[in-house]
Amino acid sequence: MSIIKEAELPGLGKKFEISLENGDRVAVVIHDEGTREVYYFPEGEDDPLSGVTMTDQEARQVGSIISGSFYQPRVLEKLETAVAELKIEWLEVRDNSPVAGKNIGELGLRKNHSITVIAVIEDKRKGKTLINPGPSYVFTPGHTVVAAGTKDKMKQFEELLQKSPAEEDDR
């Protein structure tokens, strides 16, 4: 398994360095304004052999390709079948959301709605993230919720997050 080191770059962004199984390293610098720099270091070298700078959109496209969104090796076909219905979404809790001020447990997200909250990004600028929050996590406006569920369930959850309290009372 690869080792990933993470470092804050004050005023610039964040650096991730991945040590690959073959001894090579890849460094990714994510700038606060969205651009990404990727550097390749052959085993034992301190200077990069090559590097590339990408816009936010370009980096997301390359990430999608690497993650298998466009082509998946045949080895992954069984895994794809197992998670074909799984959808992961990043959803912001709005100020007027009916879930604001309520916790995961009282909403019964997993038990009643088959939704799993994977993480909550509390402060994007400071990179403050809560991984696998428990049932006592209170939904707070401005936080971004990373949740997983089936396509239909995630659509319902997204609609719930975006409704105003008046719409919720009408149901």
Protein backbone atom coordinates (compact mmCIF):
# COMPACT_ATOMS: atom_id res chain seq x y z
CA MET A 1 0.00 0.00 0.00
CA SER A 2 1.21 3.51 -0.82
CA ILE A 3 2.12 6.03 1.86
CA ILE A 4 0.64 9.51 1.56
CA LYS A 5 2.19 12.48 3.34
CA GLU A 6 0.25 15.71 3.64
CA ALA A 7 1.70 19.17 4.33
CA GLU A 8 0.14 22.62 4.66
CA LEU A 9 1.71 25.27 2.45
CA PRO A 10 0.68 28.52 4.20
CA GLY A 11 -0.59 31.10 1.75
CA LEU A 12 -0.28 28.63 -1.11
CA GLY A 13 -2.35 25.50 -0.47
CA LYS A 14 -1.62 21.90 0.39
CA LYS A 15 0.96 19.34 -0.75
CA PHE A 16 0.38 15.60 -0.96
CA GLU A 17 3.30 13.25 -1.55
CA ILE A 18 2.59 9.65 -2.47
CA SER A 19 5.33 7.01 -2.10
CA LEU A 20 4.55 4.31 -4.63
CA GLU A 21 5.19 0.60 -4.10
CA ASN A 22 8.01 0.64 -6.69
CA GLY A 23 9.89 3.37 -4.75
CA ASP A 24 8.93 6.27 -7.02
CA ARG A 25 7.12 9.31 -5.62
CA VAL A 26 4.41 11.59 -6.95
CA ALA A 27 3.82 15.02 -5.40
CA VAL A 28 0.59 16.97 -5.90
CA VAL A 29 0.33 20.62 -4.87
CA ILE A 30 -3.22 21.97 -4.70
CA HIS A 31 -3.19 25.75 -4.74
CA ASP A 32 -5.84 27.70 -2.85
CA GLU A 33 -7.04 29.23 -6.12
CA GLY A 34 -7.64 25.76 -7.59
CA THR A 35 -4.68 24.99 -9.85
CA ARG A 36 -2.77 21.75 -9.34
CA GLU A 37 0.86 20.89 -9.88
CA VAL A 38 1.89 17.25 -10.26
CA TYR A 39 5.54 16.13 -10.03
CA TYR A 40 7.13 12.73 -10.64
CA PHE A 41 10.24 11.68 -8.70
CA PRO A 42 11.99 8.45 -9.76
CA GLU A 43 13.19 6.23 -6.89
CA GLY A 44 16.07 7.82 -4.97
CA GLU A 45 15.82 11.20 -6.73
CA ASP A 46 15.18 14.49 -4.90
CA ASP A 47 14.54 16.51 -8.06
CA PRO A 48 11.44 15.81 -10.14
CA LEU A 49 11.92 14.17 -13.52
CA SER A 50 8.80 15.92 -14.83
CA GLY A 51 5.91 18.09 -13.77
CA VAL A 52 2.66 19.52 -15.06
CA THR A 53 0.35 22.36 -13.98
CA MET A 54 -3.41 21.95 -14.45
CA THR A 55 -6.50 24.05 -13.90
CA ASP A 56 -9.09 22.82 -11.42
CA GLN A 57 -11.26 21.46 -14.26
CA GLU A 58 -8.35 19.71 -15.97
CA ALA A 59 -7.28 18.10 -12.69
CA ARG A 60 -10.82 16.82 -12.08
CA GLN A 61 -10.93 15.36 -15.59
CA VAL A 62 -7.58 13.60 -15.13
CA GLY A 63 -8.74 12.39 -11.70
CA SER A 64 -11.88 10.94 -13.27
CA ILE A 65 -9.82 9.10 -15.85
CA ILE A 66 -7.42 7.73 -13.22
CA SER A 67 -10.28 6.67 -10.93
CA GLY A 68 -11.86 4.63 -13.73
CA SER A 69 -14.83 6.79 -14.66
CA PHE A 70 -14.10 6.41 -18.40
CA TYR A 71 -12.54 2.96 -18.51
CA GLN A 72 -12.33 0.26 -15.89
CA PRO A 73 -10.00 -2.71 -16.20
CA ARG A 74 -11.83 -6.05 -16.40
CA VAL A 75 -10.60 -6.94 -12.91
CA LEU A 76 -12.97 -4.28 -11.54
CA GLU A 77 -16.14 -5.57 -13.23
CA LYS A 78 -17.30 -7.49 -10.13
CA LEU A 79 -16.68 -4.46 -7.91
CA GLU A 80 -18.58 -2.25 -10.35
CA THR A 81 -21.60 -4.52 -10.13
CA ALA A 82 -21.51 -4.41 -6.34
CA VAL A 83 -21.43 -0.61 -6.22
CA ALA A 84 -23.27 0.26 -9.44
CA GLU A 85 -26.15 1.83 -7.52
CA LEU A 86 -23.91 3.66 -5.04
CA LYS A 87 -23.78 7.41 -5.41
CA ILE A 88 -21.54 9.72 -3.37
CA GLU A 89 -22.43 13.40 -3.20
CA TRP A 90 -20.93 16.54 -1.64
CA LEU A 91 -23.90 18.59 -0.43
CA GLU A 92 -23.87 21.91 1.39
CA VAL A 93 -26.19 22.47 4.34
CA ARG A 94 -28.02 25.70 3.55
CA ASP A 95 -29.03 28.31 6.13
CA ASN A 96 -32.74 27.59 5.70
CA SER A 97 -32.44 23.80 5.44
CA PRO A 98 -34.88 21.79 7.60
CA VAL A 99 -31.99 19.54 8.68
CA ALA A 100 -30.00 22.49 10.11
CA GLY A 101 -29.78 22.05 13.88
CA LYS A 102 -30.78 18.37 13.75
CA ASN A 103 -28.42 15.45 14.20
CA ILE A 104 -27.84 12.35 12.10
CA GLY A 105 -29.50 10.10 14.69
CA GLU A 106 -32.74 12.03 15.05
CA LEU A 107 -33.10 12.14 11.25
CA GLY A 108 -32.50 8.38 11.11
CA LEU A 109 -30.50 8.74 7.91
CA ARG A 110 -29.00 5.26 7.89
CA LYS A 111 -31.89 3.38 9.52
CA ASN A 112 -34.82 5.08 7.78
CA HIS A 113 -33.30 6.45 4.56
CA SER A 114 -30.30 4.16 3.81
CA ILE A 115 -27.99 7.21 3.67
CA THR A 116 -24.49 7.04 5.15
CA VAL A 117 -22.66 10.24 6.05
CA ILE A 118 -19.03 9.55 5.14
CA ALA A 119 -17.56 12.90 6.18
CA VAL A 120 -18.39 16.50 6.94
CA ILE A 121 -16.21 19.37 5.72
CA GLU A 122 -16.63 21.97 8.44
CA ASP A 123 -14.19 24.56 7.12
CA LYS A 124 -12.98 24.34 3.52
CA ARG A 125 -10.35 27.06 3.93
CA LYS A 126 -8.71 25.42 6.94
CA GLY A 127 -9.31 21.90 5.66
CA LYS A 128 -11.21 20.96 8.82
CA THR A 129 -12.96 17.67 8.08
CA LEU A 130 -14.81 15.25 10.33
CA ILE A 131 -14.52 11.68 9.03
CA ASN A 132 -17.37 9.24 9.70
CA PRO A 133 -19.37 11.46 12.08
CA GLY A 134 -21.51 9.67 14.63
CA PRO A 135 -25.26 9.98 15.19
CA SER A 136 -24.77 13.03 17.42
CA TYR A 137 -23.31 15.17 14.61
CA VAL A 138 -25.54 18.26 14.21
CA PHE A 139 -26.07 19.53 10.66
CA THR A 140 -24.71 23.08 10.54
CA PRO A 141 -25.30 25.64 7.78
CA GLY A 142 -22.19 26.14 5.67
CA HIS A 143 -20.88 22.63 6.30
CA THR A 144 -20.50 20.30 3.33
CA VAL A 145 -21.81 16.77 3.89
CA VAL A 146 -20.23 13.88 1.98
CA ALA A 147 -22.90 11.19 1.88
CA ALA A 148 -23.47 7.88 0.11
CA GLY A 149 -26.59 5.99 -0.90
CA THR A 150 -28.52 4.79 -3.90
CA LYS A 151 -29.31 7.29 -6.65
CA ASP A 152 -32.95 7.63 -5.55
CA LYS A 153 -32.13 7.98 -1.85
CA MET A 154 -29.41 10.55 -2.55
CA LYS A 155 -31.83 12.59 -4.66
CA GLN A 156 -34.32 12.61 -1.75
CA PHE A 157 -31.57 13.61 0.69
CA GLU A 158 -30.39 16.42 -1.59
CA GLU A 159 -33.97 17.70 -1.91
CA LEU A 160 -34.33 17.62 1.88
CA LEU A 161 -31.13 19.64 2.33
CA GLN A 162 -32.31 22.25 -0.18
CA LYS A 163 -35.88 22.71 1.03
CA SER A 164 -36.86 25.65 3.13
CA PRO A 165 -38.54 24.94 6.49
CA ALA A 166 -41.87 26.24 5.06
CA GLU A 167 -41.77 23.63 2.29
CA GLU A 168 -41.04 20.94 4.88
CA ASP A 169 -44.09 22.00 6.95
CA ASP A 170 -46.34 21.71 3.88
CA ARG A 171 -45.68 17.96 3.59
